[in-house]
Protein backbone atom coordinates (compact mmCIF):
# COMPACT_ATOMS: atom_id res chain seq x y z
CA UNK A 1 -12.74 -20.88 12.22
CA UNK A 2 -9.80 -19.65 14.25
CA UNK A 3 -10.00 -15.95 15.12
CA UNK A 4 -6.46 -15.27 13.84
CA UNK A 5 -7.39 -16.62 10.41
CA UNK A 6 -10.50 -14.48 10.16
CA UNK A 7 -8.90 -11.38 11.71
CA UNK A 8 -5.79 -11.43 9.51
CA UNK A 9 -7.68 -12.33 6.34
CA UNK A 10 -10.06 -9.40 6.83
CA UNK A 11 -7.41 -6.95 8.08
CA UNK A 12 -4.97 -7.59 5.24
CA UNK A 13 -7.75 -7.86 2.67
CA UNK A 14 -8.85 -4.35 3.60
CA UNK A 15 -5.21 -3.18 3.59
CA UNK A 16 -4.62 -4.64 0.12
CA UNK A 17 -7.85 -3.05 -1.13
CA UNK A 18 -6.76 0.34 0.22
CA UNK A 19 -3.29 -0.07 -1.31
CA UNK A 20 -4.94 -0.87 -4.64
CA UNK A 21 -7.15 2.21 -4.40
CA UNK A 22 -4.13 4.40 -3.59
CA UNK A 23 -2.16 2.90 -6.50
CA UNK A 24 -5.11 3.46 -8.85
CA UNK A 25 -5.56 7.05 -7.73
CA UNK A 26 -1.82 7.73 -8.08
CA UNK A 27 -1.74 6.29 -11.61
CA UNK A 28 -4.89 8.27 -12.45
CA UNK A 29 -3.45 11.54 -11.13
CA UNK A 30 0.18 11.15 -12.23
CA UNK A 31 -0.24 9.71 -15.74
CA UNK A 32 -3.18 7.77 -17.11
CA UNK A 33 -0.76 5.96 -19.46
CA UNK A 34 0.38 3.98 -16.42
CA UNK A 35 -2.82 1.92 -16.62
CA UNK A 36 -1.44 0.30 -19.79
CA UNK A 37 2.03 -0.31 -18.33
CA UNK A 38 2.45 -4.07 -18.00
CA UNK A 39 5.41 -3.72 -15.61
CA UNK A 40 3.22 -1.93 -13.09
CA UNK A 41 0.63 -4.70 -13.36
CA UNK A 42 3.27 -7.40 -12.91
CA UNK A 43 4.78 -5.51 -9.97
CA UNK A 44 1.39 -5.22 -8.28
CA UNK A 45 0.73 -8.95 -8.72
CA UNK A 46 4.07 -9.79 -7.07
CA UNK A 47 3.36 -7.33 -4.26
CA UNK A 48 -0.01 -8.96 -3.54
CA UNK A 49 1.53 -12.45 -3.67
CA UNK A 50 4.22 -11.46 -1.18
CA UNK A 51 1.58 -9.88 1.04
CA UNK A 52 -0.42 -13.14 0.84
CA UNK A 53 2.57 -15.15 2.06
CA UNK A 54 2.97 -12.58 4.84
CA UNK A 55 -0.70 -13.04 5.83
CA UNK A 56 -0.16 -16.78 6.20
CA UNK A 57 3.10 -16.23 8.07
CA UNK A 58 1.64 -13.80 10.60
CA UNK A 59 -1.43 -16.03 11.06
CA UNK A 60 0.82 -19.03 11.66
CA UNK A 61 2.81 -17.05 14.23
CA UNK A 62 -0.38 -15.98 16.04
CA UNK A 63 -1.49 -19.62 16.11
CA UNK A 64 1.61 -20.65 18.02
CA UNK A 65 3.65 -21.60 14.96
CA UNK A 66 1.25 -24.32 13.83
CA UNK A 67 -1.03 -23.98 10.85
CA UNK A 68 -2.47 -26.71 8.67
CA UNK A 69 -3.08 -26.50 4.91
CA UNK A 70 -6.76 -25.56 5.22
CA UNK A 71 -6.09 -22.80 7.75
CA UNK A 72 -3.24 -21.35 5.66
CA UNK A 73 -5.34 -21.42 2.50
CA UNK A 74 -8.37 -19.92 4.26
CA UNK A 75 -6.41 -16.92 5.54
CA UNK A 76 -4.94 -16.33 2.05
CA UNK A 77 -8.34 -16.76 0.40
CA UNK A 78 -10.15 -14.32 2.71
CA UNK A 79 -7.37 -11.76 2.22
CA UNK A 80 -7.50 -12.15 -1.57
CA UNK A 81 -11.27 -11.99 -2.00
CA UNK A 82 -11.68 -8.90 0.18
CA UNK A 83 -8.83 -7.08 -1.56
CA UNK A 84 -10.11 -7.98 -5.03
CA UNK A 85 -13.68 -6.91 -4.25
CA UNK A 86 -12.60 -3.56 -2.77
CA UNK A 87 -10.23 -2.80 -5.67
CA UNK A 88 -12.72 -3.71 -8.38
CA UNK A 89 -15.61 -1.91 -6.71
CA UNK A 90 -13.48 1.25 -6.61
CA UNK A 91 -12.49 0.82 -10.27
CA UNK A 92 -16.14 0.41 -11.25
CA UNK A 93 -17.13 3.59 -9.40
CA UNK A 94 -14.15 5.60 -10.69
CA UNK A 95 -14.52 4.69 -14.36
CA UNK A 96 -18.32 4.62 -14.57
CA UNK A 97 -19.43 7.45 -12.28
CA UNK A 98 -16.54 9.71 -11.26
CA UNK A 99 -14.72 9.96 -14.62
CA UNK A 100 -16.19 7.84 -17.43
CA UNK A 101 -14.04 9.71 -19.98
CA UNK A 102 -10.91 8.23 -18.37
CA UNK A 103 -11.88 4.72 -19.43
CA UNK A 104 -12.05 5.94 -23.03
CA UNK A 105 -8.53 7.37 -22.69
CA UNK A 106 -7.29 4.10 -21.22
CA UNK A 107 -8.95 2.19 -24.07
CA UNK A 108 -7.15 4.32 -26.68
CA UNK A 109 -3.82 3.90 -24.87
CA UNK A 110 -4.40 0.14 -24.64
CA UNK A 111 -5.25 -0.07 -28.35
CA UNK A 112 -2.11 1.87 -29.29
CA UNK A 113 0.12 -0.30 -27.08
CA UNK A 114 -1.51 -3.48 -28.38
CA UNK A 115 -1.02 -2.45 -32.03
CA UNK A 116 2.58 -1.47 -31.28
CA UNK A 117 3.20 -4.85 -29.67
CA UNK A 118 1.50 -6.79 -32.46
CA UNK A 119 3.49 -4.91 -35.12
CA UNK A 120 6.75 -5.90 -33.41
CA UNK A 121 5.80 -9.54 -33.94
CA UNK A 122 4.62 -9.08 -37.51
CA UNK A 123 0.98 -9.81 -36.78
CA UNK A 124 -1.16 -9.71 -39.96
CA UNK A 125 -3.21 -6.54 -40.41
CA UNK A 126 -6.54 -8.40 -40.44
CA UNK A 127 -5.76 -9.94 -37.04
CA UNK A 128 -4.81 -6.51 -35.67
CA UNK A 129 -8.05 -5.06 -37.03
CA UNK A 130 -10.11 -7.81 -35.36
CA UNK A 131 -8.26 -7.24 -32.08
CA UNK A 132 -8.96 -3.50 -32.19
CA UNK A 133 -12.65 -4.11 -32.90
CA UNK A 134 -12.80 -6.58 -30.01
CA UNK A 135 -11.12 -4.11 -27.63
CA UNK A 136 -13.54 -1.33 -28.65
CA UNK A 137 -16.60 -3.55 -28.21
CA UNK A 138 -15.49 -4.79 -24.79
CA UNK A 139 -15.93 -2.23 -21.98
CA UNK A 140 -13.44 -3.54 -19.43
CA UNK A 141 -15.09 -1.45 -16.70
CA UNK A 142 -18.68 -2.61 -17.26
CA UNK A 143 -20.28 -4.38 -14.31
CA UNK A 144 -20.25 -7.67 -16.25
CA UNK A 145 -16.54 -7.43 -17.05
CA UNK A 146 -15.68 -6.25 -13.54
CA UNK A 147 -17.45 -9.35 -12.17
CA UNK A 148 -15.74 -11.61 -14.73
CA UNK A 149 -12.38 -10.02 -13.92
CA UNK A 150 -13.00 -10.44 -10.21
CA UNK A 151 -13.90 -14.10 -10.70
CA UNK A 152 -10.74 -14.68 -12.74
CA UNK A 153 -8.65 -12.88 -10.10
CA UNK A 154 -10.20 -14.97 -7.33
CA UNK A 155 -9.49 -18.21 -9.24
CA UNK A 156 -5.89 -17.12 -9.94
CA UNK A 157 -5.43 -16.07 -6.31
CA UNK A 158 -6.89 -19.37 -5.14
CA UNK A 159 -4.36 -21.31 -7.18
CA UNK A 160 -1.56 -19.21 -5.73
CA UNK A 161 -3.16 -19.61 -2.28
CA UNK A 162 -3.09 -23.39 -2.63
CA UNK A 163 0.60 -23.25 -3.47
CA UNK A 164 1.31 -20.81 -0.64
CA UNK A 165 -0.63 -22.95 1.84
CA UNK A 166 1.30 -26.07 0.78
CA UNK A 167 4.59 -24.23 1.29
CA UNK A 168 3.66 -22.48 4.54
CA UNK A 169 1.74 -25.23 6.37
CA UNK A 170 3.37 -26.66 9.47
CA UNK A 171 5.38 -29.78 8.98
CA UNK A 172 3.75 -32.52 11.01
CA UNK A 173 4.95 -35.84 12.21
CA UNK A 174 3.00 -38.57 10.35
CA UNK A 175 2.99 -40.71 13.51
CA UNK A 176 0.94 -38.05 15.34
CA UNK A 177 -1.84 -37.89 12.71
């Protein structure tokens, strides 16, 4: 594996993990309601996607402007996995050891926002009741759910990484292959 791929994947994976920790701490300190704000979640996803394209771009530049699909995807994948693992490990520690009561607050906020949303769309009361029961029974910060969430995030990031690699790979002359 090319050193630039490994170096940039690790470097930016750690950077994205640290950014995630800082964002989590800021939301925790400023207003715990921010954890249930979908716009913040969407904004963070776009930020990480843009950073992923940047990782491929800087890796390509360091490789003399040439990067194939596999190399582009590998740099994105390494970056994503490291960032996801760091972020989720921090969340697990924060909500299970540092302040377990915060996860209960977030659960209540999430339930209230979910009910509010479902009422806007005229969801039947029995469906809302089942949803609330499901939310209460499902500890989103348990080790099992953190692992499941990490796996889902890695799969989602991989799909985006495949797209990014296809877009960012060097255009080659078919006669030279």
